[in-house]
Amino acid sequence: MSHKRVAILISGGGSNMVSLVESMTGDHPARPCLVLSNIASAGGLTKAAAAGIPTAVVDHKPFGKDRAAFEAELVKPILDAGADIVCLAGFMRVLTDGFVSQFQGRMLNIHPSLLPKYTGLNTHARALEAGDRQHGCTVHEVTAVLDDGPILGQARVDVAANDTPETLAAKVLVEEHKLYPAVLRRYAAGDRTPVILG
């Protein structure tokens, strides 16, 4: 069988990228073809290279506020790698409609909240401030609207009375590392039924 080719975009340590890469073995319908970062010092690039995956860097800083010019460069290594699916895994740049539309129906993102709650940043602190009893993470298809798009999976954690944003983030990250690979496997096989954990 021919495997789907997956490009993973990161900005940091790439812990979700590692869990995705480690899952893509054996009878998995996909294989990693590229790990791409907007930050040359991102720790995840070293991990990807150690796993034998091609890496690339497109630094956003030289482009200033010209997001279209940045994305025109960002898309090149993805197209060169022949990616069928693009996974955002802690990629900290907001992508424009022009970029997203090129991968419509083929791009996934993981977000640390139970969407539609808490789009954007500081999700763990916001869940605590709201007094939520449950919090978690969501994998969704990327559309032009930030943290929107069809939900493909969610994992829940219970919020403890003594949780801080840091302890809650750590609990959610454990679930992210389970949820994202489970969703990708199903998605790469052409199944968009949501994965629900917890």
Protein backbone atom coordinates (compact mmCIF):
# COMPACT_ATOMS: atom_id res chain seq x y z
CA MET A 1 0.00 0.00 0.00
CA SER A 2 1.19 3.53 -0.61
CA HIS A 3 1.48 5.56 2.54
CA LYS A 4 0.11 9.06 2.95
CA ARG A 5 2.96 11.55 3.39
CA VAL A 6 2.73 13.78 6.46
CA ALA A 7 4.48 17.13 6.99
CA ILE A 8 4.56 18.33 10.61
CA LEU A 9 4.97 22.03 11.46
CA ILE A 10 6.49 22.97 14.83
CA SER A 11 7.83 26.02 16.66
CA GLY A 12 9.31 24.43 19.78
CA GLY A 13 10.32 21.17 21.41
CA GLY A 14 8.00 19.15 19.24
CA SER A 15 6.63 16.70 21.81
CA ASN A 16 3.44 16.20 19.80
CA MET A 17 5.52 15.81 16.64
CA VAL A 18 7.51 13.03 18.33
CA SER A 19 4.34 11.20 19.37
CA LEU A 20 3.01 11.46 15.81
CA VAL A 21 6.30 10.25 14.29
CA GLU A 22 6.56 7.33 16.72
CA SER A 23 3.02 6.24 15.84
CA MET A 24 3.63 6.14 12.07
CA THR A 25 5.10 2.65 11.83
CA GLY A 26 3.94 -0.84 10.93
CA ASP A 27 0.45 -0.92 9.45
CA HIS A 28 -0.13 2.82 9.97
CA PRO A 29 -1.46 4.37 6.72
CA ALA A 30 0.92 7.34 6.88
CA ARG A 31 4.61 8.16 7.17
CA PRO A 32 6.40 11.42 8.09
CA CYS A 33 8.03 13.18 5.12
CA LEU A 34 9.06 16.52 6.68
CA VAL A 35 9.36 18.41 9.95
CA LEU A 36 9.26 22.16 9.29
CA SER A 37 9.80 25.00 11.75
CA ASN A 38 9.71 28.78 11.70
CA ILE A 39 12.41 28.80 14.41
CA ALA A 40 15.90 27.48 13.60
CA SER A 41 16.62 26.65 17.25
CA ALA A 42 13.41 24.65 17.78
CA GLY A 43 14.34 21.54 19.77
CA GLY A 44 12.00 19.40 17.71
CA LEU A 45 14.21 19.78 14.63
CA THR A 46 17.06 17.92 16.34
CA LYS A 47 14.65 15.16 17.41
CA ALA A 48 13.27 14.85 13.87
CA ALA A 49 16.74 14.71 12.32
CA ALA A 50 17.74 12.02 14.85
CA ALA A 51 14.71 10.01 13.69
CA GLY A 52 15.89 10.33 10.08
CA ILE A 53 13.15 12.72 8.97
CA PRO A 54 14.00 15.57 6.58
CA THR A 55 13.79 18.98 8.26
CA ALA A 56 13.48 22.54 7.02
CA VAL A 57 13.39 26.03 8.54
CA VAL A 58 11.59 29.09 7.21
CA ASP A 59 12.20 31.95 9.63
CA HIS A 60 9.23 34.34 9.76
CA LYS A 61 11.23 37.31 11.08
CA PRO A 62 12.75 38.57 7.78
CA PHE A 63 9.23 38.88 6.36
CA GLY A 64 8.04 41.30 9.05
CA LYS A 65 4.30 41.80 8.77
CA ASP A 66 4.13 40.33 5.25
CA ARG A 67 2.48 37.03 6.10
CA ALA A 68 1.76 36.21 2.45
CA ALA A 69 5.48 36.40 1.59
CA PHE A 70 6.37 34.23 4.60
CA GLU A 71 3.75 31.65 3.64
CA ALA A 72 4.90 31.63 0.01
CA GLU A 73 8.29 30.41 1.33
CA LEU A 74 6.74 28.15 3.99
CA VAL A 75 4.72 26.23 1.43
CA LYS A 76 7.74 25.36 -0.76
CA PRO A 77 9.33 22.63 1.41
CA ILE A 78 5.86 21.15 2.06
CA LEU A 79 5.16 20.88 -1.68
CA ASP A 80 8.71 19.65 -2.36
CA ALA A 81 8.19 16.88 0.21
CA GLY A 82 4.99 15.80 -1.55
CA ALA A 83 2.94 16.07 1.63
CA ASP A 84 -0.60 14.67 1.51
CA ILE A 85 -1.44 15.79 5.05
CA VAL A 86 -0.11 18.73 7.08
CA CYS A 87 -0.14 18.49 10.88
CA LEU A 88 0.32 21.64 12.98
CA ALA A 89 1.97 20.58 16.24
CA GLY A 90 2.71 23.65 18.32
CA PHE A 91 3.25 25.85 15.27
CA MET A 92 2.90 29.36 16.68
CA ARG A 93 2.15 31.41 13.57
CA VAL A 94 -1.42 32.19 12.52
CA LEU A 95 -1.86 31.07 8.92
CA THR A 96 -3.83 33.09 6.39
CA ASP A 97 -6.69 31.86 4.26
CA GLY A 98 -4.36 31.82 1.25
CA PHE A 99 -2.15 29.21 2.89
CA VAL A 100 -4.94 27.22 4.54
CA SER A 101 -6.97 26.97 1.33
CA GLN A 102 -4.07 25.17 -0.39
CA PHE A 103 -4.42 22.35 2.14
CA GLN A 104 -8.16 22.51 2.76
CA GLY A 105 -9.35 19.15 4.05
CA ARG A 106 -5.75 17.98 4.49
CA MET A 107 -4.51 20.03 7.46
CA LEU A 108 -4.90 19.18 11.15
CA ASN A 109 -4.17 21.11 14.33
CA ILE A 110 -4.16 20.23 18.01
CA HIS A 111 -5.44 22.84 20.45
CA PRO A 112 -5.21 22.65 24.27
CA SER A 113 -8.88 23.17 25.12
CA LEU A 114 -12.24 21.53 24.55
CA LEU A 115 -13.22 23.59 21.52
CA PRO A 116 -15.31 25.64 20.91
CA LYS A 117 -14.22 26.82 24.39
CA TYR A 118 -11.03 28.88 24.71
CA THR A 119 -9.68 29.52 21.25
CA GLY A 120 -6.32 31.27 21.16
CA LEU A 121 -3.80 31.38 24.01
CA ASN A 122 -3.66 30.80 27.80
CA THR A 123 -6.32 28.11 27.62
CA HIS A 124 -5.41 26.40 30.91
CA ALA A 125 -5.57 29.58 32.99
CA ARG A 126 -8.88 30.49 31.35
CA ALA A 127 -10.40 27.07 32.15
CA LEU A 128 -9.34 27.45 35.80
CA GLU A 129 -10.70 31.00 36.01
CA ALA A 130 -14.04 29.78 34.65
CA GLY A 131 -14.19 27.06 37.32
CA ASP A 132 -14.45 24.30 34.71
CA ARG A 133 -14.54 20.78 36.11
CA GLN A 134 -13.26 19.31 32.86
CA HIS A 135 -10.66 20.55 30.42
CA GLY A 136 -8.76 18.87 27.62
CA CYS A 137 -7.59 19.08 24.04
CA THR A 138 -9.08 19.01 20.57
CA VAL A 139 -7.78 17.93 17.18
CA HIS A 140 -9.57 19.72 14.36
CA GLU A 141 -9.35 20.28 10.65
CA VAL A 142 -7.83 23.69 9.94
CA THR A 143 -9.97 26.34 8.28
CA ALA A 144 -9.34 30.05 7.78
CA VAL A 145 -10.93 30.82 11.18
CA LEU A 146 -8.51 30.42 14.12
CA ASP A 147 -9.10 27.23 16.15
CA ASP A 148 -12.24 26.47 14.20
CA GLY A 149 -13.02 23.78 11.65
CA PRO A 150 -14.57 20.32 12.01
CA ILE A 151 -13.64 18.58 15.27
CA LEU A 152 -11.89 15.25 14.66
CA GLY A 153 -11.16 14.27 18.25
CA GLN A 154 -11.25 15.35 21.87
CA ALA A 155 -9.70 14.10 25.09
CA ARG A 156 -10.87 15.18 28.55
CA VAL A 157 -9.16 15.53 31.90
CA ASP A 158 -10.70 16.28 35.28
CA VAL A 159 -9.72 19.59 36.85
CA ALA A 160 -8.54 19.18 40.46
CA ALA A 161 -9.14 21.84 43.11
CA ASN A 162 -5.39 22.43 43.48
CA ASP A 163 -4.56 22.53 39.76
CA THR A 164 -2.48 25.42 38.42
CA PRO A 165 -2.18 26.35 34.74
CA GLU A 166 1.12 24.40 34.75
CA THR A 167 -0.24 21.19 36.33
CA LEU A 168 -3.30 21.33 34.10
CA ALA A 169 -1.14 21.85 31.01
CA ALA A 170 0.95 18.80 31.97
CA LYS A 171 -2.17 16.65 32.39
CA VAL A 172 -3.57 17.80 29.05
CA LEU A 173 -0.24 17.20 27.27
CA VAL A 174 -0.33 13.51 28.26
CA GLU A 175 -3.71 13.27 26.52
CA GLU A 176 -2.50 15.27 23.49
CA HIS A 177 0.18 12.63 22.93
CA LYS A 178 -2.53 9.94 22.81
CA LEU A 179 -5.22 11.85 20.93
CA TYR A 180 -3.24 13.33 18.04
CA PRO A 181 -1.76 10.01 16.85
CA ALA A 182 -5.17 8.31 17.18
CA VAL A 183 -6.84 11.01 15.06
CA LEU A 184 -4.07 11.05 12.45
CA ARG A 185 -4.26 7.29 11.99
CA ARG A 186 -8.01 7.42 11.41
CA TYR A 187 -7.77 10.54 9.23
CA ALA A 188 -5.00 9.12 7.05
CA ALA A 189 -7.22 6.10 6.43
CA GLY A 190 -9.95 8.45 5.18
CA ASP A 191 -12.17 8.21 8.28
CA ARG A 192 -13.28 11.54 9.78
CA THR A 193 -15.35 10.07 12.62
CA PRO A 194 -14.24 11.94 15.75
CA VAL A 195 -12.01 10.13 18.25
CA ILE A 196 -13.25 10.68 21.82
CA LEU A 197 -10.95 9.81 24.74
CA GLY A 198 -11.59 10.18 28.47
